[in-house]
Structure formats: C-alpha cells, structure tokens
PDB file of N, CA and C in Angstrom:
ATOM      1  N   MET A   1     -42.787  44.562 272.839  1.00  0.00           N
ATOM      2  CA  MET A   1     -44.179  44.184 272.786  1.00  0.00           C
ATOM      3  C   MET A   1     -45.029  45.439 272.990  1.00  0.00           C
ATOM      4  N   ASN A   2     -46.045  45.588 272.174  1.00  0.00           N
ATOM      5  CA  ASN A   2     -46.961  46.723 272.305  1.00  0.00           C
ATOM      6  C   ASN A   2     -47.942  46.459 273.434  1.00  0.00           C
ATOM      7  N   LYS A   3     -48.210  47.499 274.166  1.00  0.00           N
ATOM      8  CA  LYS A   3     -49.193  47.394 275.252  1.00  0.00           C
ATOM      9  C   LYS A   3     -50.589  47.570 274.687  1.00  0.00           C
ATOM     10  N   LEU A   4     -51.556  46.922 275.328  1.00  0.00           N
ATOM     11  CA  LEU A   4     -52.957  47.078 274.951  1.00  0.00           C
ATOM     12  C   LEU A   4     -53.492  48.394 275.496  1.00  0.00           C
ATOM     13  N   GLY A   5     -54.241  49.095 274.688  1.00  0.00           N
ATOM     14  CA  GLY A   5     -54.857  50.344 275.115  1.00  0.00           C
ATOM     15  C   GLY A   5     -56.063  50.057 275.972  1.00  0.00           C
ATOM     16  N   LEU A   6     -56.011  50.498 277.225  1.00  0.00           N
ATOM     17  CA  LEU A   6     -57.070  50.236 278.200  1.00  0.00           C
ATOM     18  C   LEU A   6     -57.980  51.436 278.313  1.00  0.00           C
ATOM     19  N   GLY A   7     -59.275  51.185 278.249  1.00  0.00           N
ATOM     20  CA  GLY A   7     -60.281  52.210 278.498  1.00  0.00           C
ATOM     21  C   GLY A   7     -61.112  51.759 279.675  1.00  0.00           C
ATOM     22  N   THR A   8     -61.487  52.706 280.547  1.00  0.00           N
ATOM     23  CA  THR A   8     -62.301  52.363 281.699  1.00  0.00           C
ATOM     24  C   THR A   8     -63.566  53.222 281.741  1.00  0.00           C
ATOM     25  N   ILE A   9     -64.578  52.663 282.352  1.00  0.00           N
ATOM     26  CA  ILE A   9     -65.847  53.372 282.536  1.00  0.00           C
ATOM     27  C   ILE A   9     -66.014  53.598 284.027  1.00  0.00           C
ATOM     28  N   GLY A  10     -66.055  54.854 284.426  1.00  0.00           N
ATOM     29  CA  GLY A  10     -66.264  55.175 285.826  1.00  0.00           C
ATOM     30  C   GLY A  10     -65.016  55.746 286.486  1.00  0.00           C
ATOM     31  N   THR A  11     -65.243  56.286 287.676  1.00  0.00           N
ATOM     32  CA  THR A  11     -64.169  56.961 288.395  1.00  0.00           C
ATOM     33  C   THR A  11     -64.165  56.586 289.878  1.00  0.00           C
ATOM     34  N   SER A  12     -64.635  55.393 290.169  1.00  0.00           N
ATOM     35  CA  SER A  12     -64.741  54.959 291.568  1.00  0.00           C
ATOM     36  C   SER A  12     -63.421  54.366 292.055  1.00  0.00           C
ATOM     37  N   TRP A  13     -63.372  54.050 293.347  1.00  0.00           N
ATOM     38  CA  TRP A  13     -62.190  53.417 293.905  1.00  0.00           C
ATOM     39  C   TRP A  13     -61.978  52.025 293.318  1.00  0.00           C
ATOM     40  N   ILE A  14     -63.078  51.373 292.926  1.00  0.00           N
ATOM     41  CA  ILE A  14     -62.960  50.048 292.293  1.00  0.00           C
ATOM     42  C   ILE A  14     -62.263  50.189 290.947  1.00  0.00           C
ATOM     43  N   THR A  15     -62.651  51.198 290.166  1.00  0.00           N
ATOM     44  CA  THR A  15     -62.022  51.454 288.874  1.00  0.00           C
ATOM     45  C   THR A  15     -60.547  51.752 289.074  1.00  0.00           C
ATOM     46  N   ASN A  16     -60.247  52.561 290.079  1.00  0.00           N
ATOM     47  CA  ASN A  16     -58.859  52.904 290.386  1.00  0.00           C
ATOM     48  C   ASN A  16     -58.045  51.644 290.711  1.00  0.00           C
ATOM     49  N   SER A  17     -58.600  50.765 291.515  1.00  0.00           N
ATOM     50  CA  SER A  17     -57.906  49.509 291.872  1.00  0.00           C
ATOM     51  C   SER A  17     -57.665  48.659 290.645  1.00  0.00           C
ATOM     52  N   PHE A  18     -58.661  48.584 289.776  1.00  0.00           N
ATOM     53  CA  PHE A  18     -58.533  47.789 288.538  1.00  0.00           C
ATOM     54  C   PHE A  18     -57.430  48.359 287.658  1.00  0.00           C
ATOM     55  N   ILE A  19     -57.411  49.677 287.493  1.00  0.00           N
ATOM     56  CA  ILE A  19     -56.394  50.308 286.656  1.00  0.00           C
ATOM     57  C   ILE A  19     -55.009  50.027 287.211  1.00  0.00           C
ATOM     58  N   GLU A  20     -54.826  50.212 288.501  1.00  0.00           N
ATOM     59  CA  GLU A  20     -53.520  49.987 289.108  1.00  0.00           C
ATOM     60  C   GLU A  20     -53.071  48.541 288.928  1.00  0.00           C
ATOM     61  N   ALA A  21     -53.967  47.577 289.072  1.00  0.00           N
ATOM     62  CA  ALA A  21     -53.609  46.178 288.859  1.00  0.00           C
ATOM     63  C   ALA A  21     -53.239  45.906 287.406  1.00  0.00           C
ATOM     64  N   ALA A  22     -54.016  46.477 286.487  1.00  0.00           N
ATOM     65  CA  ALA A  22     -53.730  46.275 285.065  1.00  0.00           C
ATOM     66  C   ALA A  22     -52.370  46.895 284.687  1.00  0.00           C
ATOM     67  N   LEU A  23     -52.097  48.082 285.162  1.00  0.00           N
ATOM     68  CA  LEU A  23     -50.832  48.736 284.847  1.00  0.00           C
ATOM     69  C   LEU A  23     -49.644  47.996 285.445  1.00  0.00           C
ATOM     70  N   GLU A  24     -49.863  47.389 286.600  1.00  0.00           N
ATOM     71  CA  GLU A  24     -48.793  46.637 287.256  1.00  0.00           C
ATOM     72  C   GLU A  24     -48.314  45.461 286.403  1.00  0.00           C
ATOM     73  N   THR A  25     -49.180  44.892 285.586  1.00  0.00           N
ATOM     74  CA  THR A  25     -48.807  43.783 284.727  1.00  0.00           C
ATOM     75  C   THR A  25     -47.886  44.219 283.584  1.00  0.00           C
ATOM     76  N   GLU A  26     -47.854  45.518 283.322  1.00  0.00           N
ATOM     77  CA  GLU A  26     -47.088  46.095 282.211  1.00  0.00           C
ATOM     78  C   GLU A  26     -47.571  45.618 280.846  1.00  0.00           C
ATOM     79  N   LEU A  27     -48.789  45.114 280.778  1.00  0.00           N
ATOM     80  CA  LEU A  27     -49.386  44.689 279.514  1.00  0.00           C
ATOM     81  C   LEU A  27     -50.351  45.718 278.953  1.00  0.00           C
ATOM     82  N   TYR A  28     -50.715  46.722 279.789  1.00  0.00           N
ATOM     83  CA  TYR A  28     -51.727  47.695 279.415  1.00  0.00           C
ATOM     84  C   TYR A  28     -51.211  49.111 279.560  1.00  0.00           C
ATOM     85  N   GLU A  29     -51.796  49.992 278.776  1.00  0.00           N
ATOM     86  CA  GLU A  29     -51.561  51.415 278.893  1.00  0.00           C
ATOM     87  C   GLU A  29     -52.940  52.078 278.979  1.00  0.00           C
ATOM     88  N   LEU A  30     -53.171  52.854 280.017  1.00  0.00           N
ATOM     89  CA  LEU A  30     -54.462  53.534 280.170  1.00  0.00           C
ATOM     90  C   LEU A  30     -54.515  54.650 279.144  1.00  0.00           C
ATOM     91  N   VAL A  31     -55.475  54.564 278.239  1.00  0.00           N
ATOM     92  CA  VAL A  31     -55.586  55.566 277.158  1.00  0.00           C
ATOM     93  C   VAL A  31     -56.838  56.421 277.258  1.00  0.00           C
ATOM     94  N   SER A  32     -57.880  55.914 277.936  1.00  0.00           N
ATOM     95  CA  SER A  32     -59.125  56.674 277.967  1.00  0.00           C
ATOM     96  C   SER A  32     -59.953  56.323 279.192  1.00  0.00           C
ATOM     97  N   VAL A  33     -60.613  57.356 279.731  1.00  0.00           N
ATOM     98  CA  VAL A  33     -61.530  57.195 280.852  1.00  0.00           C
ATOM     99  C   VAL A  33     -62.863  57.797 280.430  1.00  0.00           C
ATOM    100  N   TYR A  34     -63.925  57.049 280.663  1.00  0.00           N
ATOM    101  CA  TYR A  34     -65.272  57.587 280.430  1.00  0.00           C
ATOM    102  C   TYR A  34     -65.884  57.945 281.765  1.00  0.00           C
ATOM    103  N   SER A  35     -66.472  59.136 281.827  1.00  0.00           N
ATOM    104  CA  SER A  35     -67.197  59.581 283.006  1.00  0.00           C
ATOM    105  C   SER A  35     -68.363  60.423 282.547  1.00  0.00           C
ATOM    106  N   ARG A  36     -69.467  60.358 283.268  1.00  0.00           N
ATOM    107  CA  ARG A  36     -70.628  61.214 282.923  1.00  0.00           C
ATOM    108  C   ARG A  36     -70.290  62.687 283.160  1.00  0.00           C
ATOM    109  N   SER A  37     -69.313  62.955 284.015  1.00  0.00           N
ATOM    110  CA  SER A  37     -68.899  64.318 284.320  1.00  0.00           C
ATOM    111  C   SER A  37     -67.474  64.529 283.794  1.00  0.00           C
ATOM    112  N   MET A  38     -67.305  65.450 282.851  1.00  0.00           N
ATOM    113  CA  MET A  38     -65.985  65.719 282.306  1.00  0.00           C
ATOM    114  C   MET A  38     -65.026  66.192 283.392  1.00  0.00           C
ATOM    115  N   GLU A  39     -65.520  67.042 284.289  1.00  0.00           N
ATOM    116  CA  GLU A  39     -64.665  67.559 285.368  1.00  0.00           C
ATOM    117  C   GLU A  39     -64.174  66.427 286.275  1.00  0.00           C
ATOM    118  N   LYS A  40     -65.069  65.561 286.689  1.00  0.00           N
ATOM    119  CA  LYS A  40     -64.706  64.437 287.548  1.00  0.00           C
ATOM    120  C   LYS A  40     -63.765  63.469 286.815  1.00  0.00           C
ATOM    121  N   GLY A  41     -64.054  63.229 285.536  1.00  0.00           N
ATOM    122  CA  GLY A  41     -63.206  62.354 284.735  1.00  0.00           C
ATOM    123  C   GLY A  41     -61.790  62.880 284.596  1.00  0.00           C
ATOM    124  N   LYS A  42     -61.666  64.176 284.356  1.00  0.00           N
ATOM    125  CA  LYS A  42     -60.329  64.777 284.226  1.00  0.00           C
ATOM    126  C   LYS A  42     -59.569  64.709 285.551  1.00  0.00           C
ATOM    127  N   GLN A  43     -60.258  64.963 286.647  1.00  0.00           N
ATOM    128  CA  GLN A  43     -59.633  64.897 287.954  1.00  0.00           C
ATOM    129  C   GLN A  43     -59.132  63.464 288.223  1.00  0.00           C
ATOM    130  N   PHE A  44     -59.968  62.486 287.930  1.00  0.00           N
ATOM    131  CA  PHE A  44     -59.610  61.083 288.134  1.00  0.00           C
ATOM    132  C   PHE A  44     -58.435  60.678 287.271  1.00  0.00           C
ATOM    133  N   ALA A  45     -58.455  61.029 285.980  1.00  0.00           N
ATOM    134  CA  ALA A  45     -57.430  60.601 285.026  1.00  0.00           C
ATOM    135  C   ALA A  45     -56.102  61.312 285.230  1.00  0.00           C
ATOM    136  N   SER A  46     -56.113  62.469 285.863  1.00  0.00           N
ATOM    137  CA  SER A  46     -54.893  63.271 285.974  1.00  0.00           C
ATOM    138  C   SER A  46     -53.748  62.546 286.674  1.00  0.00           C
ATOM    139  N   LYS A  47     -54.067  61.626 287.552  1.00  0.00           N
ATOM    140  CA  LYS A  47     -52.989  60.905 288.266  1.00  0.00           C
ATOM    141  C   LYS A  47     -52.310  59.859 287.395  1.00  0.00           C
ATOM    142  N   TYR A  48     -52.860  59.627 286.191  1.00  0.00           N
ATOM    143  CA  TYR A  48     -52.269  58.626 285.287  1.00  0.00           C
ATOM    144  C   TYR A  48     -51.556  59.254 284.072  1.00  0.00           C
ATOM    145  N   GLY A  49     -51.371  60.545 284.099  1.00  0.00           N
ATOM    146  CA  GLY A  49     -50.644  61.194 283.019  1.00  0.00           C
ATOM    147  C   GLY A  49     -51.574  61.652 281.909  1.00  0.00           C
ATOM    148  N   ASP A  50     -51.101  61.537 280.674  1.00  0.00           N
ATOM    149  CA  ASP A  50     -51.832  62.018 279.503  1.00  0.00           C
ATOM    150  C   ASP A  50     -52.865  60.986 279.060  1.00  0.00           C
ATOM    151  N   VAL A  51     -54.042  61.067 279.671  1.00  0.00           N
ATOM    152  CA  VAL A  51     -55.134  60.117 279.399  1.00  0.00           C
ATOM    153  C   VAL A  51     -56.317  60.898 278.848  1.00  0.00           C
ATOM    154  N   ASP A  52     -56.896  60.390 277.773  1.00  0.00           N
ATOM    155  CA  ASP A  52     -58.066  61.020 277.168  1.00  0.00           C
ATOM    156  C   ASP A  52     -59.278  60.796 278.076  1.00  0.00           C
ATOM    157  N   VAL A  53     -60.093  61.816 278.228  1.00  0.00           N
ATOM    158  CA  VAL A  53     -61.329  61.697 279.030  1.00  0.00           C
ATOM    159  C   VAL A  53     -62.513  62.022 278.138  1.00  0.00           C
ATOM    160  N   LYS A  54     -63.527  61.181 278.220  1.00  0.00           N
ATOM    161  CA  LYS A  54     -64.719  61.382 277.396  1.00  0.00           C
ATOM    162  C   LYS A  54     -65.962  61.353 278.292  1.00  0.00           C
ATOM    163  N   ASP A  55     -66.943  62.152 277.910  1.00  0.00           N
ATOM    164  CA  ASP A  55     -68.232  62.102 278.599  1.00  0.00           C
ATOM    165  C   ASP A  55     -69.355  61.717 277.625  1.00  0.00           C
ATOM    166  N   ASP A  56     -68.968  61.252 276.463  1.00  0.00           N
ATOM    167  CA  ASP A  56     -69.901  60.757 275.439  1.00  0.00           C
ATOM    168  C   ASP A  56     -69.606  59.280 275.246  1.00  0.00           C
ATOM    169  N   LEU A  57     -70.527  58.412 275.699  1.00  0.00           N
ATOM    170  CA  LEU A  57     -70.289  56.966 275.667  1.00  0.00           C
ATOM    171  C   LEU A  57     -70.086  56.438 274.256  1.00  0.00           C
ATOM    172  N   GLU A  58     -70.827  56.921 273.291  1.00  0.00           N
ATOM    173  CA  GLU A  58     -70.657  56.461 271.916  1.00  0.00           C
ATOM    174  C   GLU A  58     -69.265  56.799 271.390  1.00  0.00           C
ATOM    175  N   GLU A  59     -68.797  57.994 271.697  1.00  0.00           N
ATOM    176  CA  GLU A  59     -67.452  58.386 271.294  1.00  0.00           C
ATOM    177  C   GLU A  59     -66.404  57.493 271.975  1.00  0.00           C
ATOM    178  N   PHE A  60     -66.647  57.175 273.239  1.00  0.00           N
ATOM    179  CA  PHE A  60     -65.726  56.302 273.986  1.00  0.00           C
ATOM    180  C   PHE A  60     -65.618  54.924 273.347  1.00  0.00           C
ATOM    181  N   VAL A  61     -66.763  54.287 273.065  1.00  0.00           N
ATOM    182  CA  VAL A  61     -66.722  52.915 272.537  1.00  0.00           C
ATOM    183  C   VAL A  61     -66.196  52.867 271.106  1.00  0.00           C
ATOM    184  N   ASN A  62     -66.196  53.980 270.416  1.00  0.00           N
ATOM    185  CA  ASN A  62     -65.680  54.024 269.046  1.00  0.00           C
ATOM    186  C   ASN A  62     -64.250  54.514 268.953  1.00  0.00           C
ATOM    187  N   ASP A  63     -63.601  54.714 270.092  1.00  0.00           N
ATOM    188  CA  ASP A  63     -62.197  55.187 270.118  1.00  0.00           C
ATOM    189  C   ASP A  63     -61.280  54.077 269.629  1.00  0.00           C
ATOM    190  N   GLU A  64     -60.580  54.304 268.557  1.00  0.00           N
ATOM    191  CA  GLU A  64     -59.689  53.308 267.960  1.00  0.00           C
ATOM    192  C   GLU A  64     -58.446  53.020 268.784  1.00  0.00           C
ATOM    193  N   ASN A  65     -58.150  53.864 269.785  1.00  0.00           N
ATOM    194  CA  ASN A  65     -56.995  53.641 270.645  1.00  0.00           C
ATOM    195  C   ASN A  65     -57.275  52.644 271.773  1.00  0.00           C
ATOM    196  N   ILE A  66     -58.553  52.341 271.992  1.00  0.00           N
ATOM    197  CA  ILE A  66     -58.938  51.409 273.055  1.00  0.00           C
ATOM    198  C   ILE A  66     -59.007  49.982 272.483  1.00  0.00           C
ATOM    199  N   ASP A  67     -58.235  49.117 273.116  1.00  0.00           N
ATOM    200  CA  ASP A  67     -58.257  47.681 272.747  1.00  0.00           C
ATOM    201  C   ASP A  67     -59.152  46.891 273.673  1.00  0.00           C
ATOM    202  N   VAL A  68     -59.169  47.266 274.950  1.00  0.00           N
ATOM    203  CA  VAL A  68     -59.949  46.542 275.960  1.00  0.00           C
ATOM    204  C   VAL A  68     -60.588  47.534 276.914  1.00  0.00           C
ATOM    205  N   VAL A  69     -61.753  47.150 277.454  1.00  0.00           N
ATOM    206  CA  VAL A  69     -62.464  47.978 278.434  1.00  0.00           C
ATOM    207  C   VAL A  69     -62.650  47.161 279.688  1.00  0.00           C
TER     208      VAL A  69
END
C-alpha cells in the first residue's frame, strides 16, 4: 500500500505531535514542511529525514507530492 504524502504548515510542538501521530499509523509519509523561516523549517524537518522544506506558501500548496495537509 502506498503511503499518503503529508505536508504540514508550521514548526510548533503541536505540529510535531501531529506528525508523530500520523507517522505512527504507517499510513503517511512526511514529504514537506512549510515555514515562514527556511532556517527554522530545515531545523524542524531534520529529525524526520529527507523532507522538503518550503518558505513559499504557493509553492507548498502546489507540490504534487503532497496528498494531505
């Protein structure tokens, strides 16, 4: 079964909790994180492996790898 590509907006502890819960189901793969700060976004995403980070919201919402946000 293919996993759904998960994209998240934000880098807060709430976002982190949501990602961890989603990944625990084994139905999702975190593919992209949107943050207003590229540096903060990269730092946040680094704990999840090879995750794309965007600081352009339009680019984020048009990412074809994201199935759900």
